[in-house]
Protein backbone atom coordinates (compact mmCIF):
# COMPACT_ATOMS: atom_id res chain seq x y z
CA MET A 1 84.12 71.12 -105.10
CA GLY A 2 81.95 74.23 -104.59
CA GLU A 3 82.17 74.01 -108.78
CA SER A 4 81.86 70.33 -108.69
CA PRO A 5 79.20 68.94 -111.86
CA ALA A 6 77.18 67.05 -108.61
CA TYR A 7 74.55 68.62 -107.68
CA ALA A 8 74.94 66.38 -104.62
CA MET A 9 79.06 67.57 -104.19
CA ARG A 10 77.65 71.18 -104.33
CA LYS A 11 75.06 70.26 -101.06
CA LEU A 12 77.97 69.48 -98.98
CA PHE A 13 79.99 72.08 -99.90
CA ILE A 14 77.77 73.97 -99.05
CA PHE A 15 77.09 71.97 -95.33
CA PHE A 16 80.59 72.89 -95.55
CA CYS A 17 80.39 75.75 -95.09
CA ALA A 18 77.79 76.21 -92.97
CA GLU A 19 80.06 73.89 -90.23
CA GLY A 20 83.46 74.79 -91.69
CA ALA A 21 81.43 78.91 -90.21
CA GLU A 22 80.93 78.55 -86.61
CA ASN A 23 85.16 76.67 -86.60
CA PHE A 24 87.18 78.59 -89.11
CA SER A 25 88.27 81.55 -88.43
CA ARG A 26 86.49 84.94 -90.89
CA GLN A 27 89.56 85.76 -92.96
CA PHE A 28 89.95 82.10 -93.75
CA PHE A 29 86.16 81.34 -94.48
CA THR A 30 85.98 84.39 -96.34
CA ASP A 31 89.36 83.30 -98.18
CA ASN A 32 88.85 80.25 -99.33
CA PHE A 33 85.70 79.71 -98.95
CA TYR A 34 83.06 82.88 -99.08
CA LYS A 35 83.06 83.28 -102.91
CA THR A 36 82.32 80.00 -103.55
CA PHE A 37 79.88 79.66 -101.44
CA LEU A 38 76.98 83.23 -102.70
CA GLU A 39 77.77 81.51 -106.38
CA LEU A 40 75.54 78.61 -105.08
CA SER A 41 73.11 81.01 -104.27
CA GLU A 42 71.96 80.88 -107.95
CA ASP A 43 72.38 77.44 -108.45
CA PRO A 44 70.00 75.84 -111.03
CA VAL A 45 69.43 72.80 -108.95
CA PRO A 46 66.57 73.60 -105.93
CA HIS A 47 68.41 71.30 -103.42
CA VAL A 48 71.22 73.24 -104.29
CA ARG A 49 69.78 76.49 -103.71
CA LEU A 50 67.74 75.17 -100.34
CA GLU A 51 71.15 74.17 -98.68
CA TYR A 52 72.11 77.39 -99.46
CA SER A 53 69.22 79.06 -97.46
CA LYS A 54 69.73 76.40 -94.86
CA ALA A 55 73.45 77.23 -94.29
CA LEU A 56 72.89 81.37 -94.43
CA ARG A 57 72.13 81.04 -90.33
CA SER A 58 75.67 79.55 -89.74
CA VAL A 59 77.32 82.31 -92.57
CA VAL A 60 75.88 85.43 -91.45
CA PRO A 61 76.45 86.27 -88.58
CA LEU A 62 79.97 85.25 -89.94
CA VAL A 63 81.00 87.48 -92.97
CA GLU A 64 77.94 90.31 -91.67
CA THR A 65 80.64 92.20 -89.36
CA ASN A 66 83.51 91.96 -91.90
CA THR A 67 83.63 95.22 -93.63
CA GLN A 68 86.19 94.07 -96.55
CA LEU A 69 83.35 91.98 -98.03
């Protein structure tokens, strides 16, 4: 979903990451979603980047203490 050509699917992936960040373990999130999530920060569609900035509130606390990153 995060690499979909449809911007709506990329927005949905970001929303899913934000919701999942509150429910997934840190290790599971970083192993499966973090790389794609980070790549979406440079998405060409402004609405995707806006959704990304909103999702940071949920994702940053999950990964900021992870020393593997």
